[in-house]
Amino acid sequence: MNRTLTGLTAVVTGGSNGIGRAMAVGLARAGANVAIWARNAERSADVVAEVEAEGAKGIAVGCDVADESAVVAAMERTVDELGPLGCFVANAGIAEAAPLTEMTLETWHRVLRTNLDGGFLCTREAARRFADQGSGGSIIVVSSTISRYGGAGQAAYATSKTGLLGLGRTLAVELARHRVRCNILIPGWTRTAMNTDLQADERFMKATTARTPARRWADPEEFHEVIAFLANPALTFHTGDEVVVDGGYTVF
C-alpha cells in the first residue's frame, strides 16, 4: 500500500473490533497515526499493537461516543498526543435485534444513542476541531447497507444507520467552506464478531451469499485500501459521496 497518509492523525471510533479494527490498521499501513476510541481497553491495546507494527503511532482512548464530555476529552487527548486532526472515522455502533412489536423503548433509545447520537457528537467535535485548525481534513461516516433495505428485527439499527446518511450529507455541505470533506462508507455483509450468530446460521449464509454477485461475504481486511482512499487528503473534490462496498448485494 502507498503511504499516502504519512504524518496524518486519524481517529477511528469503535476501532477495537471488526471493520473498525481493519480500518485502523489500513490507515496505519498508509502512514497515518491512529487513535482508537472505544470502550474495551484490552481489545484497543491489541489494535494499537497492530498499528505500531505498521510503523505508525497508535493510542487507545477510552470513550463512550454517546457521552458528550467523554468525546470532548478524547479529542483533547488525541490532538495533544498525536497532533492536529487530519481524518475522523465515525464508525462506532451496536445492534440489538427484536421484532418491532416486542422492541422496548429502552432498546430503541440504546441503539440510537450509540449509533446516531454518538455519530452526531463525534462528528460535531471533529468539525469544530477542523474549523479551528483551518487546515482541512476528512470525515468518514460509516453506515450500512441496511440503509438501503428493510431488515426484520432491526428497526432501531436500520433507523440509526439511515439517519447517518443525512448527517453525512449535511456535513459535506456545511464543512466544504472549511476544506473538510465528508463521505459515507456503506459496508455490506462482512465477517465480524457483531454477526457471529448470523454466520452460524447455514440457511442465512446460503441466502445472503446467493444474493451477492461476488458470492461471498467480505473479510474486514478488505477495508484497508477503501479507508486509505477515503482519507487521502489529495482527493480535495471528493465529498458527499456514498461508497458502497457490498460485493454487489444492493444492486442485484
C-alpha atoms as a PDB file:
ATOM      1  CA  MET A   1       0.000   0.000   0.000  1.00  0.00           C
ATOM      2  CA  ASN A   2       1.243   3.503  -0.844  1.00  0.00           C
ATOM      3  CA  ARG A   3       1.905   5.616   2.250  1.00  0.00           C
ATOM      4  CA  THR A   4      -0.358   8.455   1.150  1.00  0.00           C
ATOM      5  CA  LEU A   5      -1.276   9.361   4.743  1.00  0.00           C
ATOM      6  CA  THR A   6       2.192   9.748   6.246  1.00  0.00           C
ATOM      7  CA  GLY A   7       2.083  12.027   9.295  1.00  0.00           C
ATOM      8  CA  LEU A   8      -1.720  12.324   9.299  1.00  0.00           C
ATOM      9  CA  THR A   9      -3.587  11.999  12.604  1.00  0.00           C
ATOM     10  CA  ALA A  10      -6.665   9.789  12.306  1.00  0.00           C
ATOM     11  CA  VAL A  11      -9.372   8.729  14.736  1.00  0.00           C
ATOM     12  CA  VAL A  12     -11.452   5.568  14.420  1.00  0.00           C
ATOM     13  CA  THR A  13     -14.376   5.266  16.811  1.00  0.00           C
ATOM     14  CA  GLY A  14     -15.288   1.683  17.584  1.00  0.00           C
ATOM     15  CA  GLY A  15     -11.827   0.846  16.297  1.00  0.00           C
ATOM     16  CA  SER A  16     -11.192  -2.068  18.625  1.00  0.00           C
ATOM     17  CA  ASN A  17     -13.097  -4.678  16.657  1.00  0.00           C
ATOM     18  CA  GLY A  18     -14.449  -5.733  13.278  1.00  0.00           C
ATOM     19  CA  ILE A  19     -14.428  -3.276  10.389  1.00  0.00           C
ATOM     20  CA  GLY A  20     -13.252  -0.506  12.721  1.00  0.00           C
ATOM     21  CA  ARG A  21     -10.184  -2.509  13.646  1.00  0.00           C
ATOM     22  CA  ALA A  22      -9.429  -3.198   9.989  1.00  0.00           C
ATOM     23  CA  MET A  23      -9.817   0.481   9.095  1.00  0.00           C
ATOM     24  CA  ALA A  24      -7.434   1.496  11.884  1.00  0.00           C
ATOM     25  CA  VAL A  25      -4.802  -0.895  10.545  1.00  0.00           C
ATOM     26  CA  GLY A  26      -5.440   0.246   6.973  1.00  0.00           C
ATOM     27  CA  LEU A  27      -4.900   3.878   7.947  1.00  0.00           C
ATOM     28  CA  ALA A  28      -1.670   2.970   9.739  1.00  0.00           C
ATOM     29  CA  ARG A  29      -0.473   0.942   6.769  1.00  0.00           C
ATOM     30  CA  ALA A  30      -0.948   4.071   4.642  1.00  0.00           C
ATOM     31  CA  GLY A  31       1.193   6.054   7.113  1.00  0.00           C
ATOM     32  CA  ALA A  32      -1.347   7.633   9.489  1.00  0.00           C
ATOM     33  CA  ASN A  33      -1.005   7.802  13.252  1.00  0.00           C
ATOM     34  CA  VAL A  34      -4.212   6.402  14.721  1.00  0.00           C
ATOM     35  CA  ALA A  35      -6.262   6.964  17.878  1.00  0.00           C
ATOM     36  CA  ILE A  36      -8.628   4.129  18.737  1.00  0.00           C
ATOM     37  CA  TRP A  37     -11.708   5.436  20.537  1.00  0.00           C
ATOM     38  CA  ALA A  38     -13.508   2.506  22.173  1.00  0.00           C
ATOM     39  CA  ARG A  39     -14.700   1.141  25.496  1.00  0.00           C
ATOM     40  CA  ASN A  40     -12.866  -2.208  25.538  1.00  0.00           C
ATOM     41  CA  ALA A  41      -9.346  -1.396  26.754  1.00  0.00           C
ATOM     42  CA  GLU A  42      -7.911  -4.859  26.119  1.00  0.00           C
ATOM     43  CA  ARG A  43      -9.047  -5.050  22.516  1.00  0.00           C
ATOM     44  CA  SER A  44      -7.980  -1.455  21.905  1.00  0.00           C
ATOM     45  CA  ALA A  45      -4.477  -2.269  23.166  1.00  0.00           C
ATOM     46  CA  ASP A  46      -4.290  -5.136  20.690  1.00  0.00           C
ATOM     47  CA  VAL A  47      -5.194  -2.805  17.813  1.00  0.00           C
ATOM     48  CA  VAL A  48      -2.632  -0.241  18.948  1.00  0.00           C
ATOM     49  CA  ALA A  49      -0.009  -3.007  18.727  1.00  0.00           C
ATOM     50  CA  GLU A  50      -1.133  -3.735  15.152  1.00  0.00           C
ATOM     51  CA  VAL A  51      -0.958  -0.039  14.283  1.00  0.00           C
ATOM     52  CA  GLU A  52       2.548   0.233  15.689  1.00  0.00           C
ATOM     53  CA  ALA A  53       3.600  -2.890  13.808  1.00  0.00           C
ATOM     54  CA  GLU A  54       2.878  -0.896  10.649  1.00  0.00           C
ATOM     55  CA  GLY A  55       5.415   1.741  11.737  1.00  0.00           C
ATOM     56  CA  ALA A  56       2.814   4.282  12.890  1.00  0.00           C
ATOM     57  CA  LYS A  57       1.955   5.753  16.267  1.00  0.00           C
ATOM     58  CA  GLY A  58      -1.146   4.464  17.975  1.00  0.00           C
ATOM     59  CA  ILE A  59      -3.041   5.311  21.148  1.00  0.00           C
ATOM     60  CA  ALA A  60      -6.064   3.780  22.839  1.00  0.00           C
ATOM     61  CA  VAL A  61      -8.562   6.303  24.158  1.00  0.00           C
ATOM     62  CA  GLY A  62     -11.383   5.049  26.353  1.00  0.00           C
ATOM     63  CA  CYS A  63     -14.553   6.710  25.111  1.00  0.00           C
ATOM     64  CA  ASP A  64     -18.302   6.219  25.185  1.00  0.00           C
ATOM     65  CA  VAL A  65     -19.250   8.049  21.984  1.00  0.00           C
ATOM     66  CA  ALA A  66     -22.682   8.919  23.375  1.00  0.00           C
ATOM     67  CA  ASP A  67     -21.136  10.786  26.312  1.00  0.00           C
ATOM     68  CA  GLU A  68     -20.567  14.394  25.268  1.00  0.00           C
ATOM     69  CA  SER A  69     -17.884  15.142  27.860  1.00  0.00           C
ATOM     70  CA  ALA A  70     -16.053  11.908  27.050  1.00  0.00           C
ATOM     71  CA  VAL A  71     -15.968  12.805  23.347  1.00  0.00           C
ATOM     72  CA  VAL A  72     -14.548  16.259  24.063  1.00  0.00           C
ATOM     73  CA  ALA A  73     -11.909  14.786  26.390  1.00  0.00           C
ATOM     74  CA  ALA A  74     -10.995  12.090  23.848  1.00  0.00           C
ATOM     75  CA  MET A  75     -10.381  14.704  21.172  1.00  0.00           C
ATOM     76  CA  GLU A  76      -8.221  16.784  23.504  1.00  0.00           C
ATOM     77  CA  ARG A  77      -6.072  13.801  24.357  1.00  0.00           C
ATOM     78  CA  THR A  78      -5.816  12.715  20.725  1.00  0.00           C
ATOM     79  CA  VAL A  79      -4.514  16.010  19.388  1.00  0.00           C
ATOM     80  CA  ASP A  80      -2.268  16.512  22.424  1.00  0.00           C
ATOM     81  CA  GLU A  81      -0.548  13.182  21.792  1.00  0.00           C
ATOM     82  CA  LEU A  82      -0.729  12.781  18.010  1.00  0.00           C
ATOM     83  CA  GLY A  83      -1.046  16.317  16.640  1.00  0.00           C
ATOM     84  CA  PRO A  84      -3.709  18.180  14.609  1.00  0.00           C
ATOM     85  CA  LEU A  85      -6.643  16.129  13.397  1.00  0.00           C
ATOM     86  CA  GLY A  86      -6.488  15.010   9.765  1.00  0.00           C
ATOM     87  CA  CYS A  87      -9.150  12.301   9.438  1.00  0.00           C
ATOM     88  CA  PHE A  88     -12.094  11.232  11.582  1.00  0.00           C
ATOM     89  CA  VAL A  89     -13.890   7.925  11.075  1.00  0.00           C
ATOM     90  CA  ALA A  90     -17.271   7.754  12.844  1.00  0.00           C
ATOM     91  CA  ASN A  91     -17.687   4.001  12.981  1.00  0.00           C
ATOM     92  CA  ALA A  92     -18.872   3.046  16.484  1.00  0.00           C
ATOM     93  CA  GLY A  93     -22.161   1.217  16.535  1.00  0.00           C
ATOM     94  CA  ILE A  94     -24.226  -1.503  18.184  1.00  0.00           C
ATOM     95  CA  ALA A  95     -27.121  -3.685  17.050  1.00  0.00           C
ATOM     96  CA  GLU A  96     -29.898  -5.271  19.085  1.00  0.00           C
ATOM     97  CA  ALA A  97     -32.388  -7.415  17.218  1.00  0.00           C
ATOM     98  CA  ALA A  98     -36.046  -7.618  18.225  1.00  0.00           C
ATOM     99  CA  PRO A  99     -39.367  -7.708  16.369  1.00  0.00           C
ATOM    100  CA  LEU A 100     -40.907  -4.249  16.242  1.00  0.00           C
ATOM    101  CA  THR A 101     -43.914  -5.374  18.277  1.00  0.00           C
ATOM    102  CA  GLU A 102     -41.607  -6.590  21.038  1.00  0.00           C
ATOM    103  CA  MET A 103     -38.924  -3.900  20.936  1.00  0.00           C
ATOM    104  CA  THR A 104     -38.800  -1.805  24.087  1.00  0.00           C
ATOM    105  CA  LEU A 105     -38.310   1.923  24.106  1.00  0.00           C
ATOM    106  CA  GLU A 106     -35.151   1.305  26.136  1.00  0.00           C
ATOM    107  CA  THR A 107     -33.679  -0.859  23.366  1.00  0.00           C
ATOM    108  CA  TRP A 108     -34.660   1.711  20.727  1.00  0.00           C
ATOM    109  CA  HIS A 109     -33.015   4.521  22.681  1.00  0.00           C
ATOM    110  CA  ARG A 110     -29.905   2.475  23.494  1.00  0.00           C
ATOM    111  CA  VAL A 111     -29.177   1.709  19.827  1.00  0.00           C
ATOM    112  CA  LEU A 112     -29.928   5.231  18.589  1.00  0.00           C
ATOM    113  CA  ARG A 113     -27.968   6.765  21.446  1.00  0.00           C
ATOM    114  CA  THR A 114     -24.774   4.975  20.426  1.00  0.00           C
ATOM    115  CA  ASN A 115     -25.190   4.908  16.665  1.00  0.00           C
ATOM    116  CA  LEU A 116     -26.895   8.211  15.871  1.00  0.00           C
ATOM    117  CA  ASP A 117     -26.331  10.445  18.900  1.00  0.00           C
ATOM    118  CA  GLY A 118     -22.761   9.166  19.064  1.00  0.00           C
ATOM    119  CA  GLY A 119     -22.255   9.861  15.379  1.00  0.00           C
ATOM    120  CA  PHE A 120     -23.549  13.403  15.871  1.00  0.00           C
ATOM    121  CA  LEU A 121     -21.423  14.147  18.930  1.00  0.00           C
ATOM    122  CA  CYS A 122     -18.241  12.767  17.400  1.00  0.00           C
ATOM    123  CA  THR A 123     -18.569  14.416  14.001  1.00  0.00           C
ATOM    124  CA  ARG A 124     -19.580  17.709  15.626  1.00  0.00           C
ATOM    125  CA  GLU A 125     -16.416  17.639  17.738  1.00  0.00           C
ATOM    126  CA  ALA A 126     -14.337  16.737  14.678  1.00  0.00           C
ATOM    127  CA  ALA A 127     -15.977  19.560  12.693  1.00  0.00           C
ATOM    128  CA  ARG A 128     -15.208  22.070  15.444  1.00  0.00           C
ATOM    129  CA  ARG A 129     -11.602  20.918  15.562  1.00  0.00           C
ATOM    130  CA  PHE A 130     -11.201  21.144  11.780  1.00  0.00           C
ATOM    131  CA  ALA A 131     -12.762  24.608  11.678  1.00  0.00           C
ATOM    132  CA  ASP A 132     -10.407  25.851  14.406  1.00  0.00           C
ATOM    133  CA  GLN A 133      -7.351  24.333  12.745  1.00  0.00           C
ATOM    134  CA  GLY A 134      -8.163  25.785   9.326  1.00  0.00           C
ATOM    135  CA  SER A 135      -6.139  23.023   7.698  1.00  0.00           C
ATOM    136  CA  GLY A 136      -8.873  20.981   6.031  1.00  0.00           C
ATOM    137  CA  GLY A 137      -9.386  17.278   6.510  1.00  0.00           C
ATOM    138  CA  SER A 138     -11.805  14.419   6.040  1.00  0.00           C
ATOM    139  CA  ILE A 139     -14.664  12.776   7.893  1.00  0.00           C
ATOM    140  CA  ILE A 140     -15.918   9.302   7.050  1.00  0.00           C
ATOM    141  CA  VAL A 141     -19.322   8.304   8.421  1.00  0.00           C
ATOM    142  CA  VAL A 142     -19.876   4.539   8.475  1.00  0.00           C
ATOM    143  CA  SER A 143     -23.446   3.493   7.693  1.00  0.00           C
ATOM    144  CA  SER A 144     -24.662   0.090   6.469  1.00  0.00           C
ATOM    145  CA  THR A 145     -26.429  -1.496   3.521  1.00  0.00           C
ATOM    146  CA  ILE A 146     -29.446  -1.823   5.814  1.00  0.00           C
ATOM    147  CA  SER A 147     -29.978   1.853   4.998  1.00  0.00           C
ATOM    148  CA  ARG A 148     -30.954   0.571   1.532  1.00  0.00           C
ATOM    149  CA  TYR A 149     -33.478  -2.106   2.507  1.00  0.00           C
ATOM    150  CA  GLY A 150     -35.671  -3.303   5.374  1.00  0.00           C
ATOM    151  CA  GLY A 151     -34.256  -5.692   7.921  1.00  0.00           C
ATOM    152  CA  ALA A 152     -36.588  -7.837  10.039  1.00  0.00           C
ATOM    153  CA  GLY A 153     -35.981  -7.229  13.727  1.00  0.00           C
ATOM    154  CA  GLN A 154     -33.657  -4.317  13.038  1.00  0.00           C
ATOM    155  CA  ALA A 155     -35.908  -1.253  13.324  1.00  0.00           C
ATOM    156  CA  ALA A 156     -33.571   0.635  15.661  1.00  0.00           C
ATOM    157  CA  TYR A 157     -30.375  -0.303  13.842  1.00  0.00           C
ATOM    158  CA  ALA A 158     -31.810   0.436  10.389  1.00  0.00           C
ATOM    159  CA  THR A 159     -33.188   3.785  11.536  1.00  0.00           C
ATOM    160  CA  SER A 160     -29.870   4.807  13.076  1.00  0.00           C
ATOM    161  CA  LYS A 161     -27.852   3.826  10.016  1.00  0.00           C
ATOM    162  CA  THR A 162     -30.278   5.575   7.682  1.00  0.00           C
ATOM    163  CA  GLY A 163     -30.085   8.700   9.823  1.00  0.00           C
ATOM    164  CA  LEU A 164     -26.327   8.724   9.416  1.00  0.00           C
ATOM    165  CA  LEU A 165     -26.803   9.237   5.666  1.00  0.00           C
ATOM    166  CA  GLY A 166     -28.496  12.560   6.330  1.00  0.00           C
ATOM    167  CA  LEU A 167     -25.823  13.535   8.829  1.00  0.00           C
ATOM    168  CA  GLY A 168     -23.020  12.740   6.392  1.00  0.00           C
ATOM    169  CA  ARG A 169     -24.612  14.654   3.522  1.00  0.00           C
ATOM    170  CA  THR A 170     -25.150  17.688   5.730  1.00  0.00           C
ATOM    171  CA  LEU A 171     -21.549  17.620   6.930  1.00  0.00           C
ATOM    172  CA  ALA A 172     -20.354  17.520   3.320  1.00  0.00           C
ATOM    173  CA  VAL A 173     -22.322  20.684   2.542  1.00  0.00           C
ATOM    174  CA  GLU A 174     -21.634  22.611   5.748  1.00  0.00           C
ATOM    175  CA  LEU A 175     -17.930  21.859   6.010  1.00  0.00           C
ATOM    176  CA  ALA A 176     -16.892  22.376   2.395  1.00  0.00           C
ATOM    177  CA  ARG A 177     -16.008  26.014   3.133  1.00  0.00           C
ATOM    178  CA  HIS A 178     -13.509  24.723   5.696  1.00  0.00           C
ATOM    179  CA  ARG A 179     -11.978  22.381   3.074  1.00  0.00           C
ATOM    180  CA  VAL A 180     -13.293  19.408   5.026  1.00  0.00           C
ATOM    181  CA  ARG A 181     -14.670  16.514   3.012  1.00  0.00           C
ATOM    182  CA  CYS A 182     -17.283  14.090   4.331  1.00  0.00           C
ATOM    183  CA  ASN A 183     -18.082  10.792   2.655  1.00  0.00           C
ATOM    184  CA  ILE A 184     -20.248   7.881   3.765  1.00  0.00           C
ATOM    185  CA  LEU A 185     -18.958   4.315   3.766  1.00  0.00           C
ATOM    186  CA  ILE A 186     -21.660   1.670   3.358  1.00  0.00           C
ATOM    187  CA  PRO A 187     -20.322  -1.834   4.066  1.00  0.00           C
ATOM    188  CA  GLY A 188     -22.221  -4.955   3.127  1.00  0.00           C
ATOM    189  CA  TRP A 189     -22.149  -8.373   4.761  1.00  0.00           C
ATOM    190  CA  THR A 190     -18.780  -8.699   6.492  1.00  0.00           C
ATOM    191  CA  ARG A 191     -17.448 -11.401   8.798  1.00  0.00           C
ATOM    192  CA  THR A 192     -17.219  -9.639  12.170  1.00  0.00           C
ATOM    193  CA  ALA A 193     -17.841 -10.504  15.806  1.00  0.00           C
ATOM    194  CA  MET A 194     -21.087  -8.488  15.713  1.00  0.00           C
ATOM    195  CA  ASN A 195     -22.720 -11.032  13.415  1.00  0.00           C
ATOM    196  CA  THR A 196     -21.227 -14.367  14.512  1.00  0.00           C
ATOM    197  CA  ASP A 197     -24.747 -15.635  15.207  1.00  0.00           C
ATOM    198  CA  LEU A 198     -25.705 -14.988  11.594  1.00  0.00           C
ATOM    199  CA  GLN A 199     -22.538 -16.644  10.330  1.00  0.00           C
ATOM    200  CA  ALA A 200     -23.503 -19.751  12.301  1.00  0.00           C
ATOM    201  CA  ASP A 201     -26.879 -19.886  10.530  1.00  0.00           C
ATOM    202  CA  GLU A 202     -26.226 -22.006   7.450  1.00  0.00           C
ATOM    203  CA  ARG A 203     -29.558 -21.128   5.835  1.00  0.00           C
ATOM    204  CA  PHE A 204     -28.993 -17.395   6.295  1.00  0.00           C
ATOM    205  CA  MET A 205     -25.443 -17.580   4.965  1.00  0.00           C
ATOM    206  CA  LYS A 206     -26.600 -19.502   1.903  1.00  0.00           C
ATOM    207  CA  ALA A 207     -29.370 -16.981   1.178  1.00  0.00           C
ATOM    208  CA  THR A 208     -27.238 -13.852   1.571  1.00  0.00           C
ATOM    209  CA  THR A 209     -24.319 -15.325  -0.353  1.00  0.00           C
ATOM    210  CA  ALA A 210     -26.587 -16.368  -3.213  1.00  0.00           C
ATOM    211  CA  ARG A 211     -27.934 -12.819  -3.411  1.00  0.00           C
ATOM    212  CA  THR A 212     -24.406 -11.344  -3.510  1.00  0.00           C
ATOM    213  CA  PRO A 213     -22.884 -11.290  -7.021  1.00  0.00           C
ATOM    214  CA  ALA A 214     -19.413 -11.771  -5.503  1.00  0.00           C
ATOM    215  CA  ARG A 215     -20.851 -14.960  -3.933  1.00  0.00           C
ATOM    216  CA  ARG A 216     -19.275 -14.426  -0.532  1.00  0.00           C
ATOM    217  CA  TRP A 217     -19.142 -12.134   2.489  1.00  0.00           C
ATOM    218  CA  ALA A 218     -16.317  -9.642   2.885  1.00  0.00           C
ATOM    219  CA  ASP A 219     -13.404 -10.041   5.248  1.00  0.00           C
ATOM    220  CA  PRO A 220     -12.679  -6.951   7.391  1.00  0.00           C
ATOM    221  CA  GLU A 221      -9.194  -6.639   5.883  1.00  0.00           C
ATOM    222  CA  GLU A 222     -10.777  -5.695   2.565  1.00  0.00           C
ATOM    223  CA  PHE A 223     -11.452  -2.252   4.043  1.00  0.00           C
ATOM    224  CA  HIS A 224      -7.733  -1.405   4.368  1.00  0.00           C
ATOM    225  CA  GLU A 225      -7.485   0.153   0.918  1.00  0.00           C
ATOM    226  CA  VAL A 226     -11.001   1.612   0.984  1.00  0.00           C
ATOM    227  CA  ILE A 227     -10.413   3.689   4.094  1.00  0.00           C
ATOM    228  CA  ALA A 228      -6.995   4.854   2.901  1.00  0.00           C
ATOM    229  CA  PHE A 229      -8.646   6.082  -0.302  1.00  0.00           C
ATOM    230  CA  LEU A 230     -11.388   7.967   1.550  1.00  0.00           C
ATOM    231  CA  ALA A 231      -8.872   9.567   3.928  1.00  0.00           C
ATOM    232  CA  ASN A 232      -6.438  10.642   1.208  1.00  0.00           C
ATOM    233  CA  PRO A 233      -6.004  14.450   1.532  1.00  0.00           C
ATOM    234  CA  ALA A 234      -5.134  14.693  -2.162  1.00  0.00           C
ATOM    235  CA  LEU A 235      -8.770  13.965  -3.107  1.00  0.00           C
ATOM    236  CA  THR A 236      -9.894  17.536  -2.460  1.00  0.00           C
ATOM    237  CA  PHE A 237     -13.028  17.402  -4.672  1.00  0.00           C
ATOM    238  CA  HIS A 238     -14.404  14.092  -3.391  1.00  0.00           C
ATOM    239  CA  THR A 239     -17.156  14.822  -0.867  1.00  0.00           C
ATOM    240  CA  GLY A 240     -20.800  13.958  -0.242  1.00  0.00           C
ATOM    241  CA  ASP A 241     -20.324  10.509  -1.769  1.00  0.00           C
ATOM    242  CA  GLU A 242     -21.799   7.208  -0.616  1.00  0.00           C
ATOM    243  CA  VAL A 243     -19.233   4.479  -1.161  1.00  0.00           C
ATOM    244  CA  VAL A 244     -20.942   1.091  -1.162  1.00  0.00           C
ATOM    245  CA  VAL A 245     -18.684  -1.919  -0.559  1.00  0.00           C
ATOM    246  CA  ASP A 246     -21.033  -4.901  -0.614  1.00  0.00           C
ATOM    247  CA  GLY A 247     -19.986  -7.257  -3.414  1.00  0.00           C
ATOM    248  CA  GLY A 248     -22.945  -6.031  -5.473  1.00  0.00           C
ATOM    249  CA  TYR A 249     -25.586  -7.042  -2.905  1.00  0.00           C
ATOM    250  CA  THR A 250     -27.726  -3.904  -3.138  1.00  0.00           C
ATOM    251  CA  VAL A 251     -27.806  -3.739  -6.937  1.00  0.00           C
ATOM    252  CA  PHE A 252     -28.568  -7.402  -7.605  1.00  0.00           C
END
